[in-house]
Protein backbone atom coordinates (compact mmCIF):
# COMPACT_ATOMS: atom_id res chain seq x y z
CA MET A 1 -102.60 -103.91 1.03
CA ALA A 2 -101.22 -100.81 2.29
CA LEU A 3 -98.17 -101.51 1.85
CA SER A 4 -98.37 -102.40 -1.65
CA ARG A 5 -100.62 -99.33 -2.40
CA PHE A 6 -97.56 -97.28 -1.06
CA TRP A 7 -94.86 -98.95 -2.85
CA THR A 8 -97.25 -98.39 -6.26
CA PHE A 9 -97.80 -94.49 -5.28
CA ILE A 10 -94.41 -93.73 -4.62
CA LEU A 11 -92.45 -95.33 -7.55
CA ILE A 12 -95.14 -93.76 -9.97
CA LEU A 13 -95.43 -90.27 -8.13
CA SER A 14 -91.55 -90.34 -7.63
CA ILE A 15 -90.88 -91.48 -11.44
CA GLY A 16 -93.15 -88.65 -12.90
CA TYR A 17 -92.23 -86.03 -10.69
CA ALA A 18 -88.59 -86.55 -11.94
CA LEU A 19 -89.45 -86.85 -15.83
CA LEU A 20 -91.60 -83.86 -15.54
CA MET A 21 -88.80 -81.48 -13.70
CA LEU A 22 -86.45 -82.75 -16.64
CA ALA A 23 -89.03 -81.82 -19.16
CA ILE A 24 -89.22 -78.35 -17.70
CA GLY A 25 -85.62 -77.76 -17.22
CA LYS A 26 -86.11 -77.49 -13.57
CA GLN A 27 -83.56 -81.13 -12.99
CA TYR A 28 -80.43 -81.03 -15.46
CA SER A 29 -79.83 -85.03 -15.50
CA LEU A 30 -81.51 -88.36 -13.98
CA ASN A 31 -77.89 -90.07 -13.92
CA ALA A 32 -78.02 -89.41 -10.15
CA MET A 33 -81.40 -91.55 -9.53
CA ILE A 34 -79.64 -94.41 -11.20
CA ASN A 35 -76.02 -94.45 -10.98
CA GLY A 36 -75.13 -91.76 -8.15
CA GLU A 37 -74.50 -91.93 -4.55
CA GLN A 38 -75.13 -90.49 -0.82
CA GLY A 39 -72.95 -87.61 -0.74
CA GLU A 40 -71.87 -86.64 -4.14
CA PRO A 41 -72.27 -82.94 -5.51
CA LEU A 42 -75.45 -82.55 -7.61
CA VAL A 43 -74.95 -81.66 -10.94
CA ILE A 44 -77.14 -79.04 -12.13
CA ALA A 45 -75.65 -77.89 -15.19
CA GLU A 46 -72.65 -78.51 -17.45
CA MET A 47 -70.96 -75.98 -20.35
CA ASP A 48 -68.24 -76.24 -22.91
CA PRO A 49 -65.12 -74.47 -22.07
CA ASN A 50 -64.31 -73.39 -25.60
CA GLY A 51 -67.79 -71.40 -25.61
CA ALA A 52 -66.71 -67.51 -25.39
CA GLU A 53 -68.69 -66.84 -22.63
CA ASN A 54 -67.62 -69.02 -20.33
CA LYS A 55 -63.74 -68.29 -20.74
CA ALA A 56 -63.62 -66.20 -17.48
CA LEU A 57 -64.84 -69.31 -15.51
CA LEU A 58 -62.97 -71.38 -17.50
CA LEU A 59 -60.27 -68.76 -16.18
CA ALA A 60 -61.20 -68.89 -12.26
CA ILE A 61 -61.59 -72.55 -11.92
CA THR A 62 -58.00 -73.11 -12.95
CA GLU A 63 -56.67 -70.36 -10.54
CA ALA A 64 -59.09 -72.11 -8.07
CA GLY A 65 -57.18 -75.63 -8.37
CA ASP A 66 -58.74 -78.80 -7.59
CA ALA A 67 -60.91 -77.21 -4.95
CA GLY A 68 -63.12 -75.55 -7.69
CA PHE A 69 -64.47 -72.30 -8.07
CA GLN A 70 -67.51 -71.31 -5.69
CA ARG A 71 -70.19 -69.06 -6.72
CA GLY A 72 -72.48 -68.29 -3.64
CA ASP A 73 -74.23 -71.88 -3.36
CA THR A 74 -72.62 -73.22 -6.61
CA LEU A 75 -69.51 -74.68 -6.96
CA TYR A 76 -67.99 -74.96 -10.57
CA THR A 77 -65.00 -77.65 -11.42
CA ILE A 78 -64.07 -79.09 -14.62
CA SER A 79 -65.43 -83.10 -15.08
CA LYS A 80 -62.96 -85.66 -16.25
CA SER A 81 -64.61 -85.44 -19.91
CA GLY A 82 -63.03 -81.55 -20.11
CA ALA A 83 -66.39 -79.88 -19.63
CA LEU A 84 -67.57 -76.91 -16.96
CA ARG A 85 -69.28 -78.74 -13.88
CA ALA A 86 -71.87 -76.70 -12.28
CA THR A 87 -72.90 -78.31 -9.23
CA MET A 88 -75.07 -77.53 -5.79
CA GLY A 89 -75.81 -79.46 -2.43
CA ASN A 90 -75.47 -83.15 -2.15
CA GLN A 91 -77.32 -86.59 -3.31
CA PRO A 92 -79.74 -87.08 -0.56
CA ALA A 93 -79.68 -90.87 -1.10
CA ASP A 94 -77.95 -93.47 -3.00
CA GLY A 95 -79.05 -93.71 -6.54
CA LEU A 96 -80.89 -97.34 -7.61
CA PHE A 97 -77.90 -99.13 -8.77
CA ALA A 98 -76.07 -98.07 -5.87
CA THR A 99 -79.00 -98.96 -3.63
CA CYS A 100 -79.58 -102.44 -4.94
CA ARG A 101 -75.58 -102.90 -4.36
CA ASN A 102 -75.55 -101.82 -0.84
CA THR A 103 -78.65 -103.70 0.18
CA ILE A 104 -76.68 -106.89 -0.63
CA THR A 105 -73.59 -106.02 1.07
CA ASP A 106 -74.38 -103.59 3.62
CA LEU A 107 -77.92 -105.20 4.89
CA TRP A 108 -78.35 -108.59 3.56
CA LEU A 109 -74.98 -110.30 3.87
CA PRO A 110 -74.67 -109.39 7.59
CA LEU A 111 -78.14 -110.12 8.57
CA ILE A 112 -77.72 -113.25 6.91
CA GLY A 113 -74.52 -113.90 9.48
CA TYR A 114 -76.91 -112.59 12.29
CA LEU A 115 -79.58 -115.30 11.22
CA THR A 116 -77.19 -118.26 10.41
CA PHE A 117 -75.95 -118.10 14.15
CA PHE A 118 -78.87 -116.90 16.38
CA CYS A 119 -81.40 -119.21 14.39
CA GLY A 120 -78.93 -122.09 15.50
CA LEU A 121 -79.42 -120.77 19.14
CA LEU A 122 -82.99 -121.18 19.03
CA ASN A 123 -82.96 -124.47 17.54
CA LEU A 124 -81.22 -125.29 20.79
CA LEU A 125 -83.92 -124.09 22.96
CA ILE A 126 -86.70 -125.74 20.52
CA ASP A 127 -84.77 -129.13 20.57
CA ALA A 128 -84.02 -128.58 24.60
CA ARG A 129 -87.67 -128.09 25.17
CA ALA A 130 -86.94 -124.97 26.57
CA MET A 131 -89.46 -122.78 24.36
CA GLU A 132 -92.66 -124.97 26.15
CA LYS A 133 -91.35 -124.00 29.41
CA VAL A 134 -91.32 -120.11 28.42
CA ALA A 135 -94.43 -120.20 26.95
CA ARG A 136 -96.10 -121.63 29.97
CA PHE A 137 -94.41 -119.34 32.14
CA LEU A 138 -95.55 -116.49 30.26
CA SER A 139 -98.66 -117.64 29.48
CA PRO A 140 -100.70 -115.52 32.15
CA VAL A 141 -99.32 -112.15 30.59
CA PHE A 142 -99.27 -113.33 26.95
CA HIS A 143 -102.17 -115.22 26.38
CA ARG A 144 -104.38 -112.16 27.56
CA VAL A 145 -102.37 -109.79 25.10
CA PHE A 146 -102.17 -112.67 22.31
CA PRO A 147 -105.90 -114.52 22.72
CA ASP A 148 -105.53 -116.14 19.55
CA LEU A 149 -102.48 -118.00 20.34
CA ARG A 150 -102.87 -121.09 22.58
CA LYS A 151 -101.11 -120.81 25.59
CA ASP A 152 -97.99 -122.74 25.00
CA HIS A 153 -97.18 -121.28 21.44
CA PRO A 154 -93.58 -121.34 20.40
CA ALA A 155 -94.03 -117.84 19.59
CA TYR A 156 -94.09 -116.46 23.18
CA GLY A 157 -90.45 -117.60 23.63
CA PHE A 158 -89.30 -115.72 20.11
CA MET A 159 -91.01 -112.81 20.86
CA THR A 160 -89.41 -112.60 25.05
CA LEU A 161 -85.72 -112.91 23.15
CA ASN A 162 -86.73 -110.50 20.70
CA PHE A 163 -88.11 -107.69 23.22
CA ALA A 164 -85.44 -108.30 25.75
CA ALA A 165 -82.70 -107.76 22.19
CA ASN A 166 -84.35 -104.77 21.59
CA PHE A 167 -84.69 -103.41 25.06
CA LEU A 168 -80.98 -103.84 25.11
CA GLY A 169 -80.40 -102.06 21.90
CA LEU A 170 -79.39 -105.04 20.06
CA ASP A 171 -81.18 -104.56 17.01
CA SER A 172 -78.75 -107.25 15.22
CA ALA A 173 -79.78 -109.96 17.64
CA ALA A 174 -83.30 -109.07 17.76
CA THR A 175 -84.25 -109.57 14.02
CA PRO A 176 -83.66 -113.17 13.97
CA PHE A 177 -85.53 -113.64 16.78
CA GLY A 178 -88.63 -111.31 15.94
CA LEU A 179 -88.83 -113.31 12.29
CA LYS A 180 -88.76 -116.53 13.89
CA ALA A 181 -91.76 -114.95 16.03
CA MET A 182 -93.52 -114.18 13.29
CA GLU A 183 -93.04 -117.72 11.34
CA SER A 184 -94.32 -119.62 13.79
CA MET A 185 -97.21 -117.43 14.51
CA GLN A 186 -97.94 -118.29 10.56
CA GLU A 187 -97.73 -121.97 10.84
CA ASP A 188 -101.24 -121.37 12.52
CA ASN A 189 -102.45 -119.08 10.54
CA PRO A 190 -105.65 -120.07 8.86
CA ASP A 191 -105.65 -117.56 6.18
CA LYS A 192 -101.82 -117.47 4.82
CA ASP A 193 -102.23 -114.48 3.24
CA ARG A 194 -103.75 -112.24 5.88
CA ALA A 195 -102.34 -110.87 8.76
CA THR A 196 -103.67 -112.45 12.31
CA ASN A 197 -104.17 -110.19 15.51
CA SER A 198 -101.13 -111.43 17.11
CA GLN A 199 -98.76 -110.77 14.02
CA ILE A 200 -100.18 -107.58 14.03
CA MET A 201 -99.56 -106.90 18.16
CA PHE A 202 -96.46 -108.04 18.08
CA LEU A 203 -94.98 -106.18 14.85
CA CYS A 204 -96.13 -103.10 16.51
CA LEU A 205 -94.77 -103.41 20.05
CA HIS A 206 -91.54 -104.68 18.32
CA ALA A 207 -91.60 -101.41 16.40
CA ALA A 208 -92.02 -99.12 19.21
CA GLY A 209 -88.82 -100.64 20.15
CA LEU A 210 -88.63 -99.94 23.72
CA THR A 211 -84.96 -99.14 24.16
CA LEU A 212 -82.90 -99.23 27.58
CA LEU A 213 -79.14 -98.81 26.40
CA PRO A 214 -79.16 -96.61 23.02
CA THR A 215 -75.56 -98.09 22.75
CA SER A 216 -75.38 -96.60 18.87
CA ILE A 217 -76.66 -93.41 19.91
CA ILE A 218 -74.38 -92.31 22.79
CA GLY A 219 -71.48 -93.76 20.33
CA TYR A 220 -72.50 -91.18 17.43
CA ARG A 221 -73.02 -88.32 20.02
CA ALA A 222 -69.14 -89.40 21.94
CA ALA A 223 -68.08 -88.96 18.07
CA GLN A 224 -69.85 -85.39 17.56
CA GLY A 225 -68.16 -84.38 21.19
CA ALA A 226 -71.08 -84.33 23.06
CA SER A 227 -70.15 -83.17 26.65
CA ASN A 228 -71.98 -86.12 28.22
CA PRO A 229 -72.87 -88.49 25.32
CA ALA A 230 -74.75 -90.92 27.65
CA ASP A 231 -77.36 -88.09 28.86
CA ILE A 232 -79.53 -88.78 26.46
CA MET A 233 -80.36 -92.53 28.21
CA ILE A 234 -83.22 -91.40 29.97
CA PRO A 235 -85.20 -88.91 27.57
CA MET A 236 -84.74 -92.34 25.23
CA ILE A 237 -85.98 -94.63 27.65
CA ILE A 238 -89.04 -92.42 28.65
CA THR A 239 -90.00 -91.76 24.81
CA SER A 240 -89.61 -95.30 23.67
CA PHE A 241 -91.81 -96.88 26.61
CA ALA A 242 -94.44 -93.84 26.12
CA GLY A 243 -94.35 -95.33 22.25
CA THR A 244 -94.49 -99.03 23.13
CA LEU A 245 -97.70 -98.06 25.71
CA ALA A 246 -99.25 -96.42 22.58
CA ALA A 247 -98.81 -99.45 20.36
CA LEU A 248 -99.84 -101.68 22.97
CA PHE A 249 -103.23 -99.72 24.31
CA LEU A 250 -103.93 -98.87 20.05
CA VAL A 251 -103.77 -102.38 19.01
CA ALA A 252 -105.80 -103.79 21.81
CA TRP A 253 -108.45 -100.88 21.20
CA LYS A 254 -108.69 -102.39 17.49
CA GLN A 255 -108.81 -105.79 18.60
CA LYS A 256 -111.12 -105.40 21.57
CA LEU A 257 -108.92 -106.50 23.80
CA ASN A 258 -109.15 -105.86 27.44
CA LEU A 259 -105.51 -105.36 28.70
CA PHE A 260 -106.91 -103.87 32.73
CA ASN A 261 -106.61 -107.03 34.26
CA LEU A 262 -103.91 -108.19 37.29
CA PRO A 263 -101.71 -109.83 34.80
CA VAL A 264 -100.98 -107.41 31.94
CA MET A 265 -101.11 -104.31 34.52
CA GLY A 266 -98.70 -106.22 36.94
CA ALA A 267 -96.32 -107.08 34.09
CA ILE A 268 -96.49 -103.21 32.92
CA LEU A 269 -95.52 -102.22 36.57
CA LEU A 270 -92.79 -104.54 36.85
CA VAL A 271 -91.61 -102.96 33.70
CA THR A 272 -92.07 -99.73 34.93
CA ALA A 273 -89.93 -100.33 38.00
CA ILE A 274 -87.35 -102.19 36.10
CA ILE A 275 -86.76 -99.16 34.40
CA GLY A 276 -87.33 -97.08 36.84
CA GLY A 277 -84.50 -98.66 38.99
CA LEU A 278 -82.28 -98.55 36.24
CA MET A 279 -83.06 -94.91 35.21
CA ALA A 280 -82.02 -93.95 39.39
CA TYR A 281 -78.74 -95.73 39.20
CA ILE A 282 -77.86 -94.50 35.86
CA ALA A 283 -78.78 -91.09 37.03
CA THR A 284 -75.90 -91.53 39.51
CA LEU A 285 -73.22 -92.06 36.80
CA ALA A 286 -71.47 -89.35 35.34
CA GLY A 287 -69.61 -89.13 31.81
CA VAL A 288 -67.58 -91.96 30.92
CA SER A 289 -68.90 -94.04 33.67
CA LYS A 290 -72.47 -94.10 32.01
CA PHE A 291 -71.33 -94.98 28.62
CA HIS A 292 -69.11 -97.60 30.00
CA PHE A 293 -71.92 -98.95 31.79
CA THR A 294 -74.34 -99.36 29.25
CA ASP A 295 -72.13 -100.73 27.02
CA ASN A 296 -71.09 -103.39 29.18
CA LEU A 297 -74.63 -104.09 30.29
CA SER A 298 -76.03 -104.31 26.91
CA ASN A 299 -73.06 -106.76 25.83
CA GLY A 300 -72.90 -108.83 28.76
CA MET A 301 -76.34 -109.58 28.46
CA LEU A 302 -76.34 -111.03 25.18
CA LEU A 303 -73.38 -113.24 26.33
CA VAL A 304 -75.32 -114.05 29.14
CA ILE A 305 -78.46 -115.26 26.82
CA ILE A 306 -75.92 -117.14 24.90
CA GLY A 307 -74.35 -118.81 27.64
CA LEU A 308 -77.41 -119.50 29.18
CA ILE A 309 -79.04 -121.30 26.02
CA VAL A 310 -76.04 -123.11 25.60
CA GLY A 311 -75.82 -124.03 29.15
CA TYR A 312 -79.27 -125.69 29.69
CA ALA A 313 -79.16 -127.52 26.45
CA PHE A 314 -76.03 -129.54 27.85
CA LEU A 315 -78.11 -129.93 31.20
CA VAL A 316 -81.14 -131.41 29.16
CA GLU A 317 -78.51 -133.11 26.53
CA LYS A 318 -80.75 -136.50 26.63
CA TYR A 319 -83.55 -134.71 24.86
CA PHE A 320 -81.05 -134.51 22.25
CA THR A 321 -80.09 -138.43 22.43
CA ALA A 322 -83.65 -138.95 22.37
CA LYS A 323 -84.03 -137.32 19.18
CA GLY A 324 -80.91 -138.90 17.68
CA THR A 325 -79.10 -135.90 17.12
CA ASN A 326 -76.40 -133.84 19.60
CA MET A 327 -76.23 -130.11 20.46
CA PHE A 328 -74.07 -129.01 17.73
CA ASP A 329 -76.14 -130.67 15.02
CA SER A 330 -78.77 -129.20 16.37
CA PHE A 331 -77.16 -126.01 16.19
CA VAL A 332 -76.24 -126.42 12.54
CA HIS A 333 -79.60 -127.89 11.93
CA GLY A 334 -80.94 -124.34 12.99
CA ALA A 335 -78.26 -122.29 11.22
CA LYS A 336 -79.26 -123.96 8.06
CA ASP A 337 -82.78 -122.57 8.58
CA GLY A 338 -81.81 -119.47 9.45
CA PHE A 339 -79.87 -119.43 6.23
CA THR A 340 -82.88 -120.19 3.76
CA THR A 341 -84.74 -117.17 5.95
CA GLY A 342 -82.04 -114.62 5.01
CA LEU A 343 -83.03 -116.02 1.19
CA ARG A 344 -86.87 -115.34 1.63
CA VAL A 345 -86.07 -111.57 3.00
CA LEU A 346 -83.86 -110.34 0.22
CA PRO A 347 -86.49 -109.82 -2.39
CA TYR A 348 -88.66 -107.49 0.10
CA MET A 349 -85.78 -105.31 1.54
CA LEU A 350 -84.69 -104.82 -1.86
CA ALA A 351 -88.26 -103.49 -3.46
CA MET A 352 -88.83 -101.42 -0.57
CA LEU A 353 -85.35 -99.64 -0.13
CA ALA A 354 -84.74 -99.45 -4.28
CA ALA A 355 -88.51 -97.48 -4.03
CA LEU A 356 -87.63 -95.48 -1.43
CA SER A 357 -84.31 -94.62 -3.12
CA ILE A 358 -86.07 -93.35 -6.18
CA PHE A 359 -88.37 -91.56 -3.82
CA ARG A 360 -85.70 -89.27 -1.90
CA ASN A 361 -83.64 -88.57 -5.06
CA SER A 362 -86.60 -87.26 -7.30
CA GLY A 363 -87.03 -84.86 -5.10
CA LEU A 364 -90.50 -85.31 -4.42
CA MET A 365 -89.74 -86.68 -0.15
CA GLY A 366 -87.95 -82.90 -0.05
CA ILE A 367 -91.12 -81.11 -0.66
CA VAL A 368 -93.27 -83.06 1.59
CA MET A 369 -90.49 -82.65 4.47
CA ASP A 370 -90.44 -79.05 3.13
CA GLY A 371 -94.07 -78.41 3.55
CA LEU A 372 -94.83 -79.84 6.84
CA THR A 373 -91.69 -77.63 8.26
CA PHE A 374 -93.25 -74.90 6.97
CA VAL A 375 -96.66 -75.55 8.19
CA MET A 376 -95.12 -76.20 11.44
CA SER A 377 -93.36 -73.15 11.68
CA ASN A 378 -96.68 -71.20 11.03
CA VAL A 379 -98.51 -73.01 13.88
CA GLY A 380 -95.54 -71.61 16.15
CA MET A 381 -93.57 -74.37 16.98
CA ASN A 382 -90.37 -73.90 18.58
CA LYS A 383 -87.36 -73.47 15.86
CA GLU A 384 -84.84 -75.73 17.82
CA VAL A 385 -87.93 -78.45 17.53
CA ILE A 386 -88.28 -78.05 13.90
CA ASP A 387 -84.47 -78.26 12.93
CA ALA A 388 -84.99 -82.00 13.95
CA ILE A 389 -88.26 -82.59 12.34
CA PRO A 390 -86.50 -83.42 8.85
CA VAL A 391 -85.11 -86.82 11.22
CA ALA A 392 -88.44 -87.41 12.61
CA LEU A 393 -89.88 -87.64 9.21
CA MET A 394 -87.32 -89.63 7.55
CA ARG A 395 -87.30 -92.18 9.83
CA PRO A 396 -90.28 -94.16 8.81
CA PHE A 397 -88.41 -94.58 5.29
CA SER A 398 -85.08 -94.68 5.76
CA ALA A 399 -82.54 -95.68 8.87
CA GLY A 400 -79.72 -94.26 7.00
CA GLY A 401 -80.87 -91.30 5.67
CA SER A 402 -82.30 -90.36 9.33
CA ARG A 403 -78.72 -90.83 10.55
CA GLY A 404 -77.22 -88.93 8.21
CA PHE A 405 -79.92 -85.49 9.29
CA MET A 406 -79.04 -86.90 12.73
CA LEU A 407 -75.37 -86.73 12.36
CA ASP A 408 -75.80 -83.48 10.13
CA ALA A 409 -78.34 -81.51 13.06
CA MET A 410 -75.45 -82.48 15.57
CA LYS A 411 -72.77 -81.03 13.22
CA THR A 412 -74.67 -77.77 12.74
CA TYR A 413 -76.36 -76.86 15.75
CA GLY A 414 -74.02 -78.77 18.51
CA ALA A 415 -74.43 -82.40 19.82
CA ASP A 416 -75.81 -80.48 23.05
CA SER A 417 -78.24 -78.45 21.58
CA VAL A 418 -81.92 -79.07 22.11
CA THR A 419 -82.19 -79.51 18.39
CA GLY A 420 -79.23 -82.14 18.51
CA GLN A 421 -80.51 -83.80 21.67
CA LEU A 422 -84.05 -84.05 19.91
CA SER A 423 -82.48 -85.59 16.53
CA CYS A 424 -81.15 -88.52 18.78
CA LEU A 425 -84.12 -89.05 19.83
CA PHE A 426 -86.37 -89.70 17.30
CA GLN A 427 -83.64 -91.57 15.58
CA GLY A 428 -83.26 -94.03 18.39
CA ALA A 429 -86.83 -94.16 19.76
CA ALA A 430 -88.39 -95.07 16.71
CA GLU A 431 -88.04 -97.57 13.73
CA THR A 432 -88.18 -97.97 10.28
CA THR A 433 -91.51 -98.48 9.33
CA PHE A 434 -92.01 -99.08 5.99
CA TYR A 435 -88.89 -101.43 6.01
CA VAL A 436 -90.11 -103.42 9.06
CA VAL A 437 -93.34 -104.26 7.67
CA ALA A 438 -92.09 -105.00 4.34
CA LEU A 439 -89.41 -107.31 5.97
CA TYR A 440 -91.30 -109.04 8.80
CA PHE A 441 -94.43 -109.81 6.65
CA GLY A 442 -92.40 -110.23 3.54
CA THR A 443 -90.55 -113.55 5.39
CA VAL A 444 -93.86 -114.88 5.97
CA ASN A 445 -95.61 -114.33 2.80
CA VAL A 446 -98.62 -112.08 4.09
CA LYS A 447 -99.94 -109.98 1.59
CA ASP A 448 -102.82 -108.16 3.60
CA THR A 449 -100.93 -106.48 6.46
CA ARG A 450 -104.55 -104.73 7.23
CA TYR A 451 -104.13 -102.16 10.23
CA THR A 452 -100.65 -102.48 11.03
CA LEU A 453 -98.85 -99.67 9.07
CA GLY A 454 -101.04 -97.05 10.48
CA ILE A 455 -100.97 -98.52 14.19
CA MET A 456 -97.19 -98.21 13.63
CA LEU A 457 -97.26 -94.39 11.88
CA LEU A 458 -99.10 -93.52 15.16
CA SER A 459 -96.79 -94.85 17.47
CA GLY A 460 -94.12 -93.07 15.77
CA LEU A 461 -96.06 -89.88 16.09
CA VAL A 462 -96.58 -90.37 19.72
CA CYS A 463 -92.88 -91.14 20.14
CA VAL A 464 -91.82 -87.72 18.32
CA ILE A 465 -94.70 -85.71 20.57
CA ALA A 466 -93.65 -87.48 23.30
CA GLY A 467 -90.00 -86.44 22.32
CA ILE A 468 -90.14 -82.93 22.20
CA PHE A 469 -92.11 -83.07 25.54
CA VAL A 470 -89.19 -85.04 27.33
CA VAL A 471 -86.18 -83.00 25.41
CA GLN A 472 -87.74 -79.72 26.58
CA PHE A 473 -88.08 -80.65 30.41
CA TYR A 474 -85.15 -82.66 30.55
CA PHE A 475 -82.80 -80.22 29.07
């Protein structure tokens, strides 16, 4: 319900605001909202080159050449139709048509590939009866966190793989595991339109995104000339761990779960010890060695997981024979299921991303972000922190948009500045909240997400606050 209201309100408000700005002359054209592409110059006016008052401007543009004539923040060029065109700034997001096209080519088609392959592997685990063993092994901890699920529920295995993939920074692998977890929990959902407690707990933990190896962020920092691209790792681990604990305890409080028991506290301490040990080892590495280690560890662990799944399935091949199938056919059957899942996902991806495109290009989101930045500056917040806030504000709405802000912050202020470091932290330690809710609940046709969105946003806020303290302390 909350997601539906959000989607409805941002569409109505954004369209209304854009039309109002057009009516009062504050916006020149609506073309950018429909046909424009991110980064293109925003047209603010067009003039007749034959007008007497524009002769001097036409001469200045002609003398300036293809680059155009710059006057203040405004760039004057000659359009393909021959008109004098004034542009200022760049378009913040793809227009509606470009968003629809790019959602298919850049997001959905790659996701189909990931789903097809990893769902094939997951079907090997199911037919090899490995999920039953994983569920029994994890049930002492998981049954206390997900008490509505039976102790041998297959979702435990899917969730474990999802958390492991997130932990290693393997987002592409985490999504198929997470979608399978949601589907398996949905099978036991008595009210198919309403999210269960277990689905909410899982999705909030998934969105908190405990991350050990932020390989993509390290790569962006290296590209921007950071002196030590991997130095963001330890702050990222601390920040994402704080967000994960916040999500766990907030949902537990809402669901009246008692987490203060030996299995759960033991699991938290074990994860803390693993993180602490890896942090201690990573701290001994320097420069390229850190990046080399993290890259090999994340990709190596993925290969190990694939190898273990196939190897275990081979050792218990008798289970496949008993079902009248074999390992390859089992993989293909699961892959087909992954492709079907991908088809169900598309409408929800497209609906949310199209709405966010209109929201950003209308200018309404810019007003919201400017307002929050103004408030923060007037309560005495450090300017270096304020300059990174746009990444945190954009992250729940758009991964691409927040990534653009992050890269711009590193380019403007320096990859090793507090602003640059904090922007990377906001990008890597948080999740695209609205997109995740639409994707995961949309896949299983859940309409009432209950308090999921609120908890996820609160967990994101904890990440932001923790990130600010960690960066200022660590750097």
